[in-house]
C-alpha atoms as a PDB file:
ATOM      1  CA  MET A   1     137.056 140.897  85.147  1.00  0.00           C
ATOM      2  CA  ASP A   2     137.077 138.005  87.664  1.00  0.00           C
ATOM      3  CA  ASP A   3     138.646 135.026  86.060  1.00  0.00           C
ATOM      4  CA  SER A   4     136.148 132.720  88.081  1.00  0.00           C
ATOM      5  CA  ILE A   5     133.181 133.474  85.794  1.00  0.00           C
ATOM      6  CA  SER A   6     135.105 134.095  82.636  1.00  0.00           C
ATOM      7  CA  ASP A   7     133.748 131.086  80.952  1.00  0.00           C
ATOM      8  CA  GLY A   8     130.161 131.746  81.555  1.00  0.00           C
ATOM      9  CA  GLN A   9     129.293 128.671  83.631  1.00  0.00           C
ATOM     10  CA  PRO A  10     128.764 128.539  87.421  1.00  0.00           C
ATOM     11  CA  GLU A  11     131.209 126.662  89.405  1.00  0.00           C
ATOM     12  CA  PRO A  12     130.119 123.685  91.464  1.00  0.00           C
ATOM     13  CA  PRO A  13     129.792 124.200  95.348  1.00  0.00           C
ATOM     14  CA  ALA A  14     132.869 123.523  97.010  1.00  0.00           C
ATOM     15  CA  ASP A  15     131.425 120.693  99.152  1.00  0.00           C
ATOM     16  CA  THR A  16     130.191 118.591  96.113  1.00  0.00           C
ATOM     17  CA  PRO A  17     132.226 115.408  95.865  1.00  0.00           C
ATOM     18  CA  GLU A  18     133.890 114.392  92.743  1.00  0.00           C
ATOM     19  CA  PRO A  19     132.563 111.355  90.901  1.00  0.00           C
ATOM     20  CA  GLY A  20     133.771 108.136  92.447  1.00  0.00           C
ATOM     21  CA  ALA A  21     134.640 109.908  95.724  1.00  0.00           C
ATOM     22  CA  ALA A  22     134.273 107.887  99.009  1.00  0.00           C
ATOM     23  CA  GLY A  23     131.067 109.573 100.022  1.00  0.00           C
ATOM     24  CA  GLU A  24     129.066 108.522  96.857  1.00  0.00           C
ATOM     25  CA  ARG A  25     126.043 106.112  97.671  1.00  0.00           C
ATOM     26  CA  ARG A  26     125.874 102.830  95.947  1.00  0.00           C
ATOM     27  CA  PRO A  27     122.580 102.322  93.785  1.00  0.00           C
ATOM     28  CA  ARG A  28     119.955 100.377  95.783  1.00  0.00           C
ATOM     29  CA  GLY A  29     119.397  97.786  92.982  1.00  0.00           C
ATOM     30  CA  ARG A  30     122.988  96.445  93.087  1.00  0.00           C
ATOM     31  CA  THR A  31     122.656  95.538  96.676  1.00  0.00           C
ATOM     32  CA  THR A  32     119.431  93.728  96.186  1.00  0.00           C
ATOM     33  CA  LEU A  33     121.007  91.719  93.307  1.00  0.00           C
ATOM     34  CA  ILE A  34     124.003  90.636  95.454  1.00  0.00           C
ATOM     35  CA  ILE A  35     121.604  89.591  98.319  1.00  0.00           C
ATOM     36  CA  ALA A  36     119.426  87.525  95.852  1.00  0.00           C
ATOM     37  CA  ALA A  37     122.542  85.842  94.302  1.00  0.00           C
ATOM     38  CA  ALA A  38     123.875  84.875  97.806  1.00  0.00           C
ATOM     39  CA  ALA A  39     120.573  83.475  98.775  1.00  0.00           C
ATOM     40  CA  LEU A  40     120.357  81.375  95.558  1.00  0.00           C
ATOM     41  CA  LEU A  41     123.909  80.003  96.155  1.00  0.00           C
ATOM     42  CA  GLY A  42     122.805  79.132  99.682  1.00  0.00           C
ATOM     43  CA  ILE A  43     119.893  77.190  98.572  1.00  0.00           C
ATOM     44  CA  ALA A  44     121.629  75.479  95.891  1.00  0.00           C
ATOM     45  CA  GLY A  45     124.461  74.409  98.333  1.00  0.00           C
ATOM     46  CA  GLY A  46     121.799  73.225 100.798  1.00  0.00           C
ATOM     47  CA  VAL A  47     120.078  71.132  98.349  1.00  0.00           C
ATOM     48  CA  ALA A  48     123.400  69.538  97.089  1.00  0.00           C
ATOM     49  CA  VAL A  49     124.309  68.796 100.705  1.00  0.00           C
ATOM     50  CA  GLY A  50     121.031  67.280 101.450  1.00  0.00           C
ATOM     51  CA  TYR A  51     121.183  64.943  98.325  1.00  0.00           C
ATOM     52  CA  GLY A  52     124.717  63.968  99.520  1.00  0.00           C
ATOM     53  CA  VAL A  53     123.437  63.096 102.925  1.00  0.00           C
ATOM     54  CA  GLN A  54     120.493  61.101 101.652  1.00  0.00           C
ATOM     55  CA  ALA A  55     122.622  59.192  99.157  1.00  0.00           C
ATOM     56  CA  GLY A  56     124.844  58.117 101.987  1.00  0.00           C
ATOM     57  CA  ARG A  57     122.060  56.562 103.981  1.00  0.00           C
ATOM     58  CA  ALA A  58     120.809  53.018 103.797  1.00  0.00           C
ATOM     59  CA  PRO A  59     117.511  52.739 101.779  1.00  0.00           C
ATOM     60  CA  THR A  60     114.314  52.700 103.858  1.00  0.00           C
ATOM     61  CA  PRO A  61     112.449  49.418 103.302  1.00  0.00           C
ATOM     62  CA  LEU A  62     109.013  49.714 102.010  1.00  0.00           C
ATOM     63  CA  THR A  63     105.875  48.600 103.871  1.00  0.00           C
ATOM     64  CA  ALA A  64     104.933  45.102 103.065  1.00  0.00           C
ATOM     65  CA  LEU A  65     102.233  44.905 100.281  1.00  0.00           C
ATOM     66  CA  SER A  66     100.787  41.635 101.588  1.00  0.00           C
ATOM     67  CA  GLN A  67      98.276  41.724 104.241  1.00  0.00           C
ATOM     68  CA  PRO A  68      96.966  38.860 106.584  1.00  0.00           C
ATOM     69  CA  ASP A  69      94.064  36.892 105.843  1.00  0.00           C
ATOM     70  CA  LEU A  70      94.011  37.871 102.148  1.00  0.00           C
ATOM     71  CA  ALA A  71      96.118  34.937 100.961  1.00  0.00           C
ATOM     72  CA  TYR A  72      94.711  31.846  99.115  1.00  0.00           C
ATOM     73  CA  PRO A  73      94.922  29.293 100.304  1.00  0.00           C
ATOM     74  CA  ALA A  74      95.012  30.429 103.990  1.00  0.00           C
ATOM     75  CA  LYS A  75      98.082  28.182 104.814  1.00  0.00           C
ATOM     76  CA  ALA A  76     101.161  27.428 102.825  1.00  0.00           C
ATOM     77  CA  LEU A  77     101.106  24.232 100.723  1.00  0.00           C
ATOM     78  CA  PRO A  78     103.800  21.747 100.351  1.00  0.00           C
ATOM     79  CA  ALA A  79     106.062  22.406  97.606  1.00  0.00           C
ATOM     80  CA  GLY A  80     104.905  21.232  94.205  1.00  0.00           C
ATOM     81  CA  LYS A  81     101.189  21.228  95.209  1.00  0.00           C
ATOM     82  CA  ALA A  82      98.680  23.669  93.791  1.00  0.00           C
ATOM     83  CA  PRO A  83      95.598  24.990  95.617  1.00  0.00           C
ATOM     84  CA  ASP A  84      92.185  23.671  94.650  1.00  0.00           C
ATOM     85  CA  PRO A  85      90.175  25.861  92.528  1.00  0.00           C
ATOM     86  CA  LEU A  86      87.550  28.222  94.102  1.00  0.00           C
ATOM     87  CA  PRO A  87      84.183  26.852  94.059  1.00  0.00           C
ATOM     88  CA  ALA A  88      81.732  28.341  91.403  1.00  0.00           C
ATOM     89  CA  SER A  89      79.961  30.216  94.157  1.00  0.00           C
ATOM     90  CA  GLN A  90      83.012  32.150  94.901  1.00  0.00           C
ATOM     91  CA  ASP A  91      84.623  32.454  91.529  1.00  0.00           C
ATOM     92  CA  ARG A  92      82.939  35.343  89.705  1.00  0.00           C
ATOM     93  CA  ARG A  93      84.542  34.607  86.492  1.00  0.00           C
ATOM     94  CA  VAL A  94      83.189  31.021  86.303  1.00  0.00           C
ATOM     95  CA  ARG A  95      79.615  32.284  87.267  1.00  0.00           C
ATOM     96  CA  ALA A  96      79.697  34.989  84.554  1.00  0.00           C
ATOM     97  CA  ASP A  97      80.887  32.638  81.925  1.00  0.00           C
ATOM     98  CA  GLY A  98      77.978  30.318  82.343  1.00  0.00           C
ATOM     99  CA  ASP A  99      74.368  31.161  81.417  1.00  0.00           C
ATOM    100  CA  LEU A 100      74.274  34.996  81.871  1.00  0.00           C
ATOM    101  CA  ARG A 101      70.443  34.843  82.078  1.00  0.00           C
ATOM    102  CA  LYS A 102      70.725  33.056  85.455  1.00  0.00           C
ATOM    103  CA  LEU A 103      72.590  36.093  87.011  1.00  0.00           C
ATOM    104  CA  VAL A 104      69.434  38.349  86.475  1.00  0.00           C
ATOM    105  CA  ALA A 105      68.110  38.822  89.860  1.00  0.00           C
ATOM    106  CA  PRO A 106      64.678  36.952  90.496  1.00  0.00           C
ATOM    107  CA  ARG A 107      61.431  38.879  89.647  1.00  0.00           C
ATOM    108  CA  PRO A 108      60.496  40.845  92.728  1.00  0.00           C
ATOM    109  CA  LYS A 109      57.364  39.897  94.596  1.00  0.00           C
ATOM    110  CA  GLY A 110      54.282  41.802  93.075  1.00  0.00           C
ATOM    111  CA  TRP A 111      55.819  42.062  89.672  1.00  0.00           C
ATOM    112  CA  GLU A 112      55.124  39.886  86.679  1.00  0.00           C
ATOM    113  CA  GLU A 113      56.784  39.349  83.296  1.00  0.00           C
ATOM    114  CA  ASP A 114      56.025  41.796  80.662  1.00  0.00           C
ATOM    115  CA  LYS A 115      53.986  39.898  78.146  1.00  0.00           C
ATOM    116  CA  LEU A 116      54.680  42.224  75.357  1.00  0.00           C
ATOM    117  CA  LEU A 117      58.373  41.127  75.139  1.00  0.00           C
ATOM    118  CA  THR A 118      57.227  37.525  75.509  1.00  0.00           C
ATOM    119  CA  THR A 119      55.025  37.781  72.397  1.00  0.00           C
ATOM    120  CA  LEU A 120      57.943  39.163  70.494  1.00  0.00           C
ATOM    121  CA  GLY A 121      60.082  36.209  71.129  1.00  0.00           C
ATOM    122  CA  TRP A 122      61.920  37.353  74.111  1.00  0.00           C
ATOM    123  CA  ASP A 123      63.980  34.495  75.706  1.00  0.00           C
ATOM    124  CA  GLY A 124      66.214  36.469  78.166  1.00  0.00           C
ATOM    125  CA  TRP A 125      68.844  37.242  75.461  1.00  0.00           C
ATOM    126  CA  LEU A 126      68.934  40.548  73.716  1.00  0.00           C
ATOM    127  CA  GLY A 127      71.008  40.929  70.469  1.00  0.00           C
ATOM    128  CA  LEU A 128      73.402  43.853  69.974  1.00  0.00           C
ATOM    129  CA  GLU A 129      71.148  45.530  67.526  1.00  0.00           C
ATOM    130  CA  GLY A 130      68.163  45.313  69.935  1.00  0.00           C
ATOM    131  CA  TYR A 131      70.231  46.916  72.770  1.00  0.00           C
ATOM    132  CA  ALA A 132      71.626  49.546  70.504  1.00  0.00           C
ATOM    133  CA  LEU A 133      68.112  50.421  69.582  1.00  0.00           C
ATOM    134  CA  GLU A 134      67.455  51.421  73.250  1.00  0.00           C
ATOM    135  CA  PHE A 135      69.593  54.476  72.751  1.00  0.00           C
ATOM    136  CA  GLU A 136      68.793  57.720  70.984  1.00  0.00           C
ATOM    137  CA  ASP A 137      71.858  57.352  68.529  1.00  0.00           C
ATOM    138  CA  GLU A 138      71.552  53.616  67.888  1.00  0.00           C
ATOM    139  CA  ASP A 139      74.115  53.753  64.952  1.00  0.00           C
ATOM    140  CA  TYR A 140      76.866  55.322  67.010  1.00  0.00           C
ATOM    141  CA  MET A 141      76.100  52.967  70.094  1.00  0.00           C
ATOM    142  CA  TYR A 142      76.261  49.891  67.862  1.00  0.00           C
ATOM    143  CA  GLY A 143      79.642  50.730  66.650  1.00  0.00           C
ATOM    144  CA  ASP A 144      81.005  51.900  70.088  1.00  0.00           C
ATOM    145  CA  LEU A 145      79.874  48.639  71.648  1.00  0.00           C
ATOM    146  CA  LEU A 146      81.723  46.736  68.964  1.00  0.00           C
ATOM    147  CA  ASP A 147      84.797  48.699  69.497  1.00  0.00           C
ATOM    148  CA  GLN A 148      84.590  48.107  73.259  1.00  0.00           C
ATOM    149  CA  GLY A 149      84.384  44.348  72.881  1.00  0.00           C
ATOM    150  CA  ILE A 150      80.846  43.582  73.845  1.00  0.00           C
ATOM    151  CA  ARG A 151      80.260  39.903  74.327  1.00  0.00           C
ATOM    152  CA  ARG A 152      76.519  39.489  75.022  1.00  0.00           C
ATOM    153  CA  VAL A 153      73.358  40.900  76.781  1.00  0.00           C
ATOM    154  CA  ALA A 154      70.940  39.269  78.835  1.00  0.00           C
ATOM    155  CA  GLY A 155      68.030  40.810  80.767  1.00  0.00           C
ATOM    156  CA  ALA A 156      64.451  40.747  81.915  1.00  0.00           C
ATOM    157  CA  ALA A 157      61.410  42.813  81.532  1.00  0.00           C
ATOM    158  CA  TRP A 158      58.699  43.173  84.287  1.00  0.00           C
ATOM    159  CA  LYS A 159      55.406  44.857  84.901  1.00  0.00           C
ATOM    160  CA  LYS A 160      53.371  45.878  88.079  1.00  0.00           C
ATOM    161  CA  GLY A 161      50.086  47.249  88.199  1.00  0.00           C
ATOM    162  CA  GLU A 162      48.562  49.244  85.154  1.00  0.00           C
ATOM    163  CA  HIS A 163      51.468  51.367  84.232  1.00  0.00           C
ATOM    164  CA  ARG A 164      54.721  50.472  86.079  1.00  0.00           C
ATOM    165  CA  THR A 165      57.366  48.627  83.961  1.00  0.00           C
ATOM    166  CA  ALA A 166      61.098  47.673  84.597  1.00  0.00           C
ATOM    167  CA  THR A 167      63.834  46.525  82.328  1.00  0.00           C
ATOM    168  CA  VAL A 168      67.110  44.902  83.548  1.00  0.00           C
ATOM    169  CA  ARG A 169      70.213  44.715  81.146  1.00  0.00           C
ATOM    170  CA  LEU A 170      73.251  42.778  81.985  1.00  0.00           C
ATOM    171  CA  VAL A 171      75.784  43.882  79.384  1.00  0.00           C
ATOM    172  CA  GLN A 172      78.935  41.616  79.406  1.00  0.00           C
ATOM    173  CA  PHE A 173      82.266  42.608  77.733  1.00  0.00           C
ATOM    174  CA  ARG A 174      85.451  40.800  77.144  1.00  0.00           C
ATOM    175  CA  SER A 175      87.115  42.722  79.932  1.00  0.00           C
ATOM    176  CA  GLY A 176      86.213  44.375  83.192  1.00  0.00           C
ATOM    177  CA  ALA A 177      87.828  47.678  82.014  1.00  0.00           C
ATOM    178  CA  ALA A 178      85.405  47.781  78.956  1.00  0.00           C
ATOM    179  CA  ALA A 179      82.448  47.149  81.178  1.00  0.00           C
ATOM    180  CA  ALA A 180      83.497  49.986  83.634  1.00  0.00           C
ATOM    181  CA  ASP A 181      84.007  52.363  80.647  1.00  0.00           C
ATOM    182  CA  HIS A 182      80.523  51.657  79.216  1.00  0.00           C
ATOM    183  CA  ALA A 183      79.249  52.322  82.714  1.00  0.00           C
ATOM    184  CA  GLU A 184      81.018  55.529  83.032  1.00  0.00           C
ATOM    185  CA  ASP A 185      79.988  56.617  79.456  1.00  0.00           C
ATOM    186  CA  GLN A 186      76.308  56.280  80.598  1.00  0.00           C
ATOM    187  CA  ARG A 187      76.691  57.990  83.970  1.00  0.00           C
ATOM    188  CA  SER A 188      78.697  60.919  82.240  1.00  0.00           C
ATOM    189  CA  TYR A 189      75.589  62.481  80.657  1.00  0.00           C
ATOM    190  CA  MET A 190      72.992  61.781  83.468  1.00  0.00           C
ATOM    191  CA  PRO A 191      73.513  65.249  85.108  1.00  0.00           C
ATOM    192  CA  GLN A 192      72.329  66.764  81.767  1.00  0.00           C
ATOM    193  CA  THR A 193      68.744  67.909  81.530  1.00  0.00           C
ATOM    194  CA  ASP A 194      68.282  67.264  77.811  1.00  0.00           C
ATOM    195  CA  HIS A 195      69.385  63.712  77.711  1.00  0.00           C
ATOM    196  CA  GLY A 196      69.834  62.660  81.442  1.00  0.00           C
ATOM    197  CA  ALA A 197      68.166  62.921  84.738  1.00  0.00           C
ATOM    198  CA  GLY A 198      69.319  66.426  85.378  1.00  0.00           C
ATOM    199  CA  ASN A 199      71.137  65.538  88.464  1.00  0.00           C
ATOM    200  CA  GLY A 200      74.136  63.526  89.816  1.00  0.00           C
ATOM    201  CA  GLY A 201      72.047  60.680  91.408  1.00  0.00           C
ATOM    202  CA  THR A 202      72.848  58.883  94.514  1.00  0.00           C
ATOM    203  CA  ALA A 203      75.809  56.417  95.180  1.00  0.00           C
ATOM    204  CA  LEU A 204      74.681  52.723  95.272  1.00  0.00           C
ATOM    205  CA  LYS A 205      76.162  51.233  98.469  1.00  0.00           C
ATOM    206  CA  GLY A 206      78.259  48.245  98.015  1.00  0.00           C
ATOM    207  CA  SER A 207      79.147  49.194  94.425  1.00  0.00           C
ATOM    208  CA  ALA A 208      82.538  51.015  93.685  1.00  0.00           C
ATOM    209  CA  ASN A 209      80.907  53.141  91.012  1.00  0.00           C
ATOM    210  CA  GLY A 210      77.115  52.518  90.888  1.00  0.00           C
ATOM    211  CA  ARG A 211      74.675  55.322  91.029  1.00  0.00           C
ATOM    212  CA  TYR A 212      70.913  55.470  90.773  1.00  0.00           C
ATOM    213  CA  TYR A 213      68.705  58.357  89.457  1.00  0.00           C
ATOM    214  CA  VAL A 214      65.141  59.616  89.533  1.00  0.00           C
ATOM    215  CA  TYR A 215      64.069  61.888  86.535  1.00  0.00           C
ATOM    216  CA  PRO A 216      61.723  64.845  86.816  1.00  0.00           C
ATOM    217  CA  ALA A 217      58.306  64.059  85.489  1.00  0.00           C
ATOM    218  CA  ASP A 218      57.930  64.473  81.599  1.00  0.00           C
ATOM    219  CA  ARG A 219      54.613  66.231  81.198  1.00  0.00           C
ATOM    220  CA  LYS A 220      53.025  67.053  77.856  1.00  0.00           C
ATOM    221  CA  PRO A 221      49.500  68.553  77.247  1.00  0.00           C
ATOM    222  CA  GLY A 222      46.907  65.711  76.477  1.00  0.00           C
ATOM    223  CA  TYR A 223      49.154  62.918  77.829  1.00  0.00           C
ATOM    224  CA  MET A 224      49.714  61.350  81.237  1.00  0.00           C
ATOM    225  CA  PRO A 225      52.924  62.294  82.945  1.00  0.00           C
ATOM    226  CA  VAL A 226      55.807  59.928  82.488  1.00  0.00           C
ATOM    227  CA  HIS A 227      58.077  59.156  85.496  1.00  0.00           C
ATOM    228  CA  ARG A 228      61.449  57.511  85.211  1.00  0.00           C
ATOM    229  CA  ALA A 229      64.309  56.040  87.288  1.00  0.00           C
ATOM    230  CA  ARG A 230      67.668  54.458  86.330  1.00  0.00           C
ATOM    231  CA  ALA A 231      70.348  52.552  87.999  1.00  0.00           C
ATOM    232  CA  ILE A 232      73.909  52.011  86.463  1.00  0.00           C
ATOM    233  CA  PHE A 233      76.705  49.986  87.882  1.00  0.00           C
ATOM    234  CA  GLN A 234      79.461  47.653  86.904  1.00  0.00           C
ATOM    235  CA  ARG A 235      80.663  44.336  88.419  1.00  0.00           C
ATOM    236  CA  GLY A 236      83.667  42.505  86.959  1.00  0.00           C
ATOM    237  CA  ASP A 237      83.006  42.413  83.261  1.00  0.00           C
ATOM    238  CA  VAL A 238      79.294  42.878  83.395  1.00  0.00           C
ATOM    239  CA  MET A 239      77.641  46.346  83.301  1.00  0.00           C
ATOM    240  CA  VAL A 240      74.107  46.567  84.799  1.00  0.00           C
ATOM    241  CA  ASP A 241      71.491  49.036  83.300  1.00  0.00           C
ATOM    242  CA  ILE A 242      68.120  49.057  85.089  1.00  0.00           C
ATOM    243  CA  HIS A 243      65.016  51.414  84.001  1.00  0.00           C
ATOM    244  CA  VAL A 244      61.787  51.912  85.666  1.00  0.00           C
ATOM    245  CA  TYR A 245      58.869  53.779  83.952  1.00  0.00           C
ATOM    246  CA  ASP A 246      55.495  54.751  85.429  1.00  0.00           C
ATOM    247  CA  THR A 247      52.617  57.253  85.176  1.00  0.00           C
ATOM    248  CA  ALA A 248      52.898  57.717  88.961  1.00  0.00           C
ATOM    249  CA  PRO A 249      56.107  59.117  90.801  1.00  0.00           C
ATOM    250  CA  ILE A 250      59.050  56.625  91.262  1.00  0.00           C
ATOM    251  CA  SER A 251      60.702  56.928  94.759  1.00  0.00           C
ATOM    252  CA  LYS A 252      64.437  56.569  95.224  1.00  0.00           C
ATOM    253  CA  LYS A 253      63.769  53.431  97.309  1.00  0.00           C
ATOM    254  CA  ASP A 254      61.947  51.958  94.463  1.00  0.00           C
ATOM    255  CA  ILE A 255      64.971  51.996  92.004  1.00  0.00           C
ATOM    256  CA  ARG A 256      67.445  51.398  94.894  1.00  0.00           C
ATOM    257  CA  THR A 257      65.823  48.230  95.905  1.00  0.00           C
ATOM    258  CA  LEU A 258      65.923  46.790  92.311  1.00  0.00           C
ATOM    259  CA  ALA A 259      69.536  47.793  91.907  1.00  0.00           C
ATOM    260  CA  GLU A 260      70.539  46.359  95.308  1.00  0.00           C
ATOM    261  CA  ARG A 261      68.926  43.116  94.532  1.00  0.00           C
ATOM    262  CA  GLN A 262      70.855  42.832  91.242  1.00  0.00           C
ATOM    263  CA  LEU A 263      74.134  43.802  92.757  1.00  0.00           C
ATOM    264  CA  GLU A 264      73.665  41.143  95.434  1.00  0.00           C
ATOM    265  CA  ARG A 265      72.964  38.556  92.715  1.00  0.00           C
ATOM    266  CA  LEU A 266      76.249  39.349  91.023  1.00  0.00           C
END
């Protein structure tokens, strides 16, 4: 019997390389790993060199924060002399610290005072309780206003024709940040349909964050439709809230005009 098949196993072909022979192909994954490692080292080295170069450079000077024509006073004063205080007409803080009722815009032509509020003892001031009652959740609003540091509320109420009424509220806080927060809280739910106007409103020109809104008509069987518009903005430590109601449609121009007059007054 031939010794070449005595063990019962076929012999490998003569040209099959032995393990580890020179002709064996390297697995592809190992090559990829080597390339990736080299690339990572190259990036790290580049970043290190870049930091080294930047650290050796002289610092670049920043752009001057001051701008011409913004300084007060316009010309430098002699040493030891302080500038005169701003006149009350230019100092917003002085104006707001006085009688807040005087900052309510004058009654527009064609409007008259709402006699109903006059008979209730309205004198241009509105207590915190009265202001909180104008909101759906008056208990929450009362506590929230106290937390925000409310100071006082002034306003006016007008009437035009048979059914159109308007209220203006100047809500003053102990800081401008609190006034801005209160204005933002009110604007935040205006896009909702259940409590707000159901739309995002229109930006009030001249105000950094003011907007005015026109609500869809509220119609119920057996009642006249109720139309409503609102404007919300903040100026310094005063938040302004204007409401207009009517049984006839209220245009954007109607509410915008009232808001612009009040903004100009502040």
